[in-house]
Amino acid sequence: MLVVLAVGGAAAVVAGWATATATGVLAGAAVWGSTWVAAGILVARIAVLTQPGPGR
């Protein structure tokens, strides 16, 4: 009985760690990606605003 509990506990710890790691990786990737998207939008807006146009 104790062996079953120990194995079940170990499996729960591993599953929890894997889930937390995967969630952390996905969250990190989302933050990293959104930072690059925001930077790209900012650069594009600056490029558009600094282009000489017919009305400028």
PDB file of N, CA and C in Angstrom:
ATOM      1  N   MET A   1       0.832  -1.207   0.000  1.00  0.00           N
ATOM      2  CA  MET A   1       0.000   0.000   0.000  1.00  0.00           C
ATOM      3  C   MET A   1       0.864   1.253   0.000  1.00  0.00           C
ATOM      4  N   LEU A   2       1.918   1.251   0.809  1.00  0.00           N
ATOM      5  CA  LEU A   2       2.793   2.414   0.850  1.00  0.00           C
ATOM      6  C   LEU A   2       3.515   2.609  -0.482  1.00  0.00           C
ATOM      7  N   VAL A   3       3.852   1.498  -1.120  1.00  0.00           N
ATOM      8  CA  VAL A   3       4.528   1.594  -2.423  1.00  0.00           C
ATOM      9  C   VAL A   3       3.602   2.245  -3.446  1.00  0.00           C
ATOM     10  N   VAL A   4       2.338   1.863  -3.422  1.00  0.00           N
ATOM     11  CA  VAL A   4       1.372   2.445  -4.355  1.00  0.00           C
ATOM     12  C   VAL A   4       1.232   3.938  -4.110  1.00  0.00           C
ATOM     13  N   LEU A   5       1.147   4.326  -2.845  1.00  0.00           N
ATOM     14  CA  LEU A   5       1.048   5.747  -2.511  1.00  0.00           C
ATOM     15  C   LEU A   5       2.305   6.496  -2.930  1.00  0.00           C
ATOM     16  N   ALA A   6       3.466   5.888  -2.699  1.00  0.00           N
ATOM     17  CA  ALA A   6       4.719   6.547  -3.060  1.00  0.00           C
ATOM     18  C   ALA A   6       4.813   6.730  -4.572  1.00  0.00           C
ATOM     19  N   VAL A   7       4.444   5.689  -5.317  1.00  0.00           N
ATOM     20  CA  VAL A   7       4.493   5.784  -6.780  1.00  0.00           C
ATOM     21  C   VAL A   7       3.481   6.807  -7.283  1.00  0.00           C
ATOM     22  N   GLY A   8       2.289   6.783  -6.710  1.00  0.00           N
ATOM     23  CA  GLY A   8       1.266   7.755  -7.096  1.00  0.00           C
ATOM     24  C   GLY A   8       1.694   9.170  -6.773  1.00  0.00           C
ATOM     25  N   GLY A   9       2.304   9.353  -5.602  1.00  0.00           N
ATOM     26  CA  GLY A   9       2.788  10.680  -5.224  1.00  0.00           C
ATOM     27  C   GLY A   9       3.889  11.159  -6.153  1.00  0.00           C
ATOM     28  N   ALA A  10       4.808  10.250  -6.479  1.00  0.00           N
ATOM     29  CA  ALA A  10       5.896  10.613  -7.385  1.00  0.00           C
ATOM     30  C   ALA A  10       5.348  10.965  -8.769  1.00  0.00           C
ATOM     31  N   ALA A  11       4.369  10.199  -9.233  1.00  0.00           N
ATOM     32  CA  ALA A  11       3.772  10.490 -10.536  1.00  0.00           C
ATOM     33  C   ALA A  11       3.075  11.848 -10.520  1.00  0.00           C
ATOM     34  N   ALA A  12       2.404  12.161  -9.415  1.00  0.00           N
ATOM     35  CA  ALA A  12       1.732  13.456  -9.306  1.00  0.00           C
ATOM     36  C   ALA A  12       2.738  14.595  -9.303  1.00  0.00           C
ATOM     37  N   VAL A  13       3.852  14.404  -8.614  1.00  0.00           N
ATOM     38  CA  VAL A  13       4.896  15.434  -8.587  1.00  0.00           C
ATOM     39  C   VAL A  13       5.467  15.655  -9.984  1.00  0.00           C
ATOM     40  N   VAL A  14       5.752  14.561 -10.674  1.00  0.00           N
ATOM     41  CA  VAL A  14       6.305  14.665 -12.036  1.00  0.00           C
ATOM     42  C   VAL A  14       5.293  15.331 -12.968  1.00  0.00           C
ATOM     43  N   ALA A  15       4.032  14.922 -12.866  1.00  0.00           N
ATOM     44  CA  ALA A  15       2.999  15.514 -13.729  1.00  0.00           C
ATOM     45  C   ALA A  15       2.837  17.000 -13.425  1.00  0.00           C
ATOM     46  N   GLY A  16       2.854  17.345 -12.153  1.00  0.00           N
ATOM     47  CA  GLY A  16       2.733  18.755 -11.779  1.00  0.00           C
ATOM     48  C   GLY A  16       3.917  19.569 -12.263  1.00  0.00           C
ATOM     49  N   TRP A  17       5.116  19.017 -12.133  1.00  0.00           N
ATOM     50  CA  TRP A  17       6.313  19.722 -12.584  1.00  0.00           C
ATOM     51  C   TRP A  17       6.291  19.896 -14.094  1.00  0.00           C
ATOM     52  N   ALA A  18       5.890  18.842 -14.817  1.00  0.00           N
ATOM     53  CA  ALA A  18       5.836  18.919 -16.278  1.00  0.00           C
ATOM     54  C   ALA A  18       4.807  19.952 -16.727  1.00  0.00           C
ATOM     55  N   THR A  19       3.671  19.970 -16.059  1.00  0.00           N
ATOM     56  CA  THR A  19       2.633  20.938 -16.417  1.00  0.00           C
ATOM     57  C   THR A  19       3.105  22.356 -16.144  1.00  0.00           C
ATOM     58  N   ALA A  20       3.703  22.556 -14.975  1.00  0.00           N
ATOM     59  CA  ALA A  20       4.196  23.888 -14.629  1.00  0.00           C
ATOM     60  C   ALA A  20       5.284  24.331 -15.599  1.00  0.00           C
ATOM     61  N   THR A  21       6.167  23.411 -15.966  1.00  0.00           N
ATOM     62  CA  THR A  21       7.239  23.752 -16.902  1.00  0.00           C
ATOM     63  C   THR A  21       6.671  24.103 -18.267  1.00  0.00           C
ATOM     64  N   ALA A  22       5.742  23.280 -18.750  1.00  0.00           N
ATOM     65  CA  ALA A  22       5.133  23.546 -20.056  1.00  0.00           C
ATOM     66  C   ALA A  22       4.379  24.865 -20.026  1.00  0.00           C
ATOM     67  N   THR A  23       3.655  25.120 -18.947  1.00  0.00           N
ATOM     68  CA  THR A  23       2.918  26.381 -18.831  1.00  0.00           C
ATOM     69  C   THR A  23       3.879  27.554 -18.806  1.00  0.00           C
ATOM     70  N   GLY A  24       4.963  27.401 -18.055  1.00  0.00           N
ATOM     71  CA  GLY A  24       5.962  28.471 -17.993  1.00  0.00           C
ATOM     72  C   GLY A  24       6.600  28.721 -19.339  1.00  0.00           C
ATOM     73  N   VAL A  25       6.893  27.666 -20.059  1.00  0.00           N
ATOM     74  CA  VAL A  25       7.508  27.816 -21.386  1.00  0.00           C
ATOM     75  C   VAL A  25       6.538  28.503 -22.334  1.00  0.00           C
ATOM     76  N   LEU A  26       5.278  28.080 -22.299  1.00  0.00           N
ATOM     77  CA  LEU A  26       4.284  28.684 -23.185  1.00  0.00           C
ATOM     78  C   LEU A  26       4.051  30.145 -22.831  1.00  0.00           C
ATOM     79  N   ALA A  27       3.993  30.435 -21.540  1.00  0.00           N
ATOM     80  CA  ALA A  27       3.806  31.824 -21.120  1.00  0.00           C
ATOM     81  C   ALA A  27       5.007  32.667 -21.542  1.00  0.00           C
ATOM     82  N   GLY A  28       6.201  32.109 -21.363  1.00  0.00           N
ATOM     83  CA  GLY A  28       7.400  32.833 -21.771  1.00  0.00           C
ATOM     84  C   GLY A  28       7.421  33.072 -23.264  1.00  0.00           C
ATOM     85  N   ALA A  29       7.019  32.074 -24.036  1.00  0.00           N
ATOM     86  CA  ALA A  29       6.991  32.225 -25.494  1.00  0.00           C
ATOM     87  C   ALA A  29       5.964  33.267 -25.903  1.00  0.00           C
ATOM     88  N   ALA A  30       4.825  33.277 -25.208  1.00  0.00           N
ATOM     89  CA  ALA A  30       3.787  34.250 -25.537  1.00  0.00           C
ATOM     90  C   ALA A  30       4.264  35.670 -25.251  1.00  0.00           C
ATOM     91  N   VAL A  31       4.913  35.851 -24.099  1.00  0.00           N
ATOM     92  CA  VAL A  31       5.428  37.176 -23.748  1.00  0.00           C
ATOM     93  C   VAL A  31       6.507  37.592 -24.733  1.00  0.00           C
ATOM     94  N   TRP A  32       7.419  36.662 -25.039  1.00  0.00           N
ATOM     95  CA  TRP A  32       8.504  36.955 -25.985  1.00  0.00           C
ATOM     96  C   TRP A  32       7.934  37.325 -27.350  1.00  0.00           C
ATOM     97  N   GLY A  33       6.976  36.542 -27.836  1.00  0.00           N
ATOM     98  CA  GLY A  33       6.377  36.810 -29.143  1.00  0.00           C
ATOM     99  C   GLY A  33       5.633  38.128 -29.165  1.00  0.00           C
ATOM    100  N   SER A  34       4.859  38.408 -28.121  1.00  0.00           N
ATOM    101  CA  SER A  34       4.092  39.652 -28.108  1.00  0.00           C
ATOM    102  C   SER A  34       5.017  40.856 -28.009  1.00  0.00           C
ATOM    103  N   THR A  35       6.156  40.694 -27.348  1.00  0.00           N
ATOM    104  CA  THR A  35       7.129  41.791 -27.279  1.00  0.00           C
ATOM    105  C   THR A  35       7.661  42.105 -28.673  1.00  0.00           C
ATOM    106  N   TRP A  36       7.967  41.058 -29.439  1.00  0.00           N
ATOM    107  CA  TRP A  36       8.472  41.269 -30.795  1.00  0.00           C
ATOM    108  C   TRP A  36       7.393  41.853 -31.695  1.00  0.00           C
ATOM    109  N   VAL A  37       6.142  41.418 -31.518  1.00  0.00           N
ATOM    110  CA  VAL A  37       5.048  41.974 -32.317  1.00  0.00           C
ATOM    111  C   VAL A  37       4.890  43.458 -32.014  1.00  0.00           C
ATOM    112  N   ALA A  38       4.918  43.802 -30.726  1.00  0.00           N
ATOM    113  CA  ALA A  38       4.785  45.204 -30.342  1.00  0.00           C
ATOM    114  C   ALA A  38       5.943  46.033 -30.895  1.00  0.00           C
ATOM    115  N   ALA A  39       7.148  45.486 -30.819  1.00  0.00           N
ATOM    116  CA  ALA A  39       8.310  46.200 -31.353  1.00  0.00           C
ATOM    117  C   ALA A  39       8.175  46.379 -32.867  1.00  0.00           C
ATOM    118  N   GLY A  40       7.704  45.353 -33.550  1.00  0.00           N
ATOM    119  CA  GLY A  40       7.519  45.452 -34.998  1.00  0.00           C
ATOM    120  C   GLY A  40       6.493  46.504 -35.368  1.00  0.00           C
ATOM    121  N   ILE A  41       5.388  46.563 -34.620  1.00  0.00           N
ATOM    122  CA  ILE A  41       4.358  47.569 -34.877  1.00  0.00           C
ATOM    123  C   ILE A  41       4.926  48.967 -34.642  1.00  0.00           C
ATOM    124  N   LEU A  42       5.686  49.119 -33.572  1.00  0.00           N
ATOM    125  CA  LEU A  42       6.275  50.415 -33.255  1.00  0.00           C
ATOM    126  C   LEU A  42       7.220  50.860 -34.365  1.00  0.00           C
ATOM    127  N   VAL A  43       8.081  49.963 -34.808  1.00  0.00           N
ATOM    128  CA  VAL A  43       9.031  50.302 -35.879  1.00  0.00           C
ATOM    129  C   VAL A  43       8.285  50.639 -37.169  1.00  0.00           C
ATOM    130  N   ALA A  44       7.241  49.876 -37.473  1.00  0.00           N
ATOM    131  CA  ALA A  44       6.465  50.141 -38.689  1.00  0.00           C
ATOM    132  C   ALA A  44       5.791  51.508 -38.607  1.00  0.00           C
ATOM    133  N   ARG A  45       5.261  51.856 -37.453  1.00  0.00           N
ATOM    134  CA  ARG A  45       4.601  53.158 -37.305  1.00  0.00           C
ATOM    135  C   ARG A  45       5.613  54.286 -37.439  1.00  0.00           C
ATOM    136  N   ILE A  46       6.792  54.104 -36.841  1.00  0.00           N
ATOM    137  CA  ILE A  46       7.830  55.127 -36.965  1.00  0.00           C
ATOM    138  C   ILE A  46       8.238  55.279 -38.428  1.00  0.00           C
ATOM    139  N   ALA A  47       8.373  54.142 -39.129  1.00  0.00           N
ATOM    140  CA  ALA A  47       8.766  54.188 -40.540  1.00  0.00           C
ATOM    141  C   ALA A  47       7.723  54.927 -41.365  1.00  0.00           C
ATOM    142  N   VAL A  48       6.436  54.676 -41.076  1.00  0.00           N
ATOM    143  CA  VAL A  48       5.372  55.346 -41.828  1.00  0.00           C
ATOM    144  C   VAL A  48       5.359  56.834 -41.508  1.00  0.00           C
ATOM    145  N   LEU A  49       5.530  57.173 -40.239  1.00  0.00           N
ATOM    146  CA  LEU A  49       5.465  58.578 -39.844  1.00  0.00           C
ATOM    147  C   LEU A  49       6.657  59.379 -40.350  1.00  0.00           C
ATOM    148  N   THR A  50       7.797  58.727 -40.535  1.00  0.00           N
ATOM    149  CA  THR A  50       8.983  59.464 -40.967  1.00  0.00           C
ATOM    150  C   THR A  50       9.169  59.471 -42.475  1.00  0.00           C
ATOM    151  N   GLN A  51       8.295  58.758 -43.190  1.00  0.00           N
ATOM    152  CA  GLN A  51       8.390  58.788 -44.649  1.00  0.00           C
ATOM    153  C   GLN A  51       7.871  60.114 -45.183  1.00  0.00           C
ATOM    154  N   PRO A  52       8.591  60.692 -46.110  1.00  0.00           N
ATOM    155  CA  PRO A  52       8.061  61.913 -46.733  1.00  0.00           C
ATOM    156  C   PRO A  52       6.866  61.565 -47.627  1.00  0.00           C
ATOM    157  N   GLY A  53       5.771  62.196 -47.379  1.00  0.00           N
ATOM    158  CA  GLY A  53       4.575  61.912 -48.173  1.00  0.00           C
ATOM    159  C   GLY A  53       4.136  63.147 -48.920  1.00  0.00           C
ATOM    160  N   PRO A  54       3.079  63.009 -49.729  1.00  0.00           N
ATOM    161  CA  PRO A  54       2.608  64.150 -50.514  1.00  0.00           C
ATOM    162  C   PRO A  54       2.063  65.273 -49.627  1.00  0.00           C
ATOM    163  N   GLY A  55       1.519  64.913 -48.482  1.00  0.00           N
ATOM    164  CA  GLY A  55       0.943  65.957 -47.638  1.00  0.00           C
ATOM    165  C   GLY A  55       1.897  66.472 -46.586  1.00  0.00           C
ATOM    166  N   ARG A  56       3.181  66.136 -46.687  1.00  0.00           N
ATOM    167  CA  ARG A  56       4.116  66.538 -45.636  1.00  0.00           C
ATOM    168  C   ARG A  56       5.134  67.516 -46.169  1.00  0.00           C
TER     169      ARG A  56
END
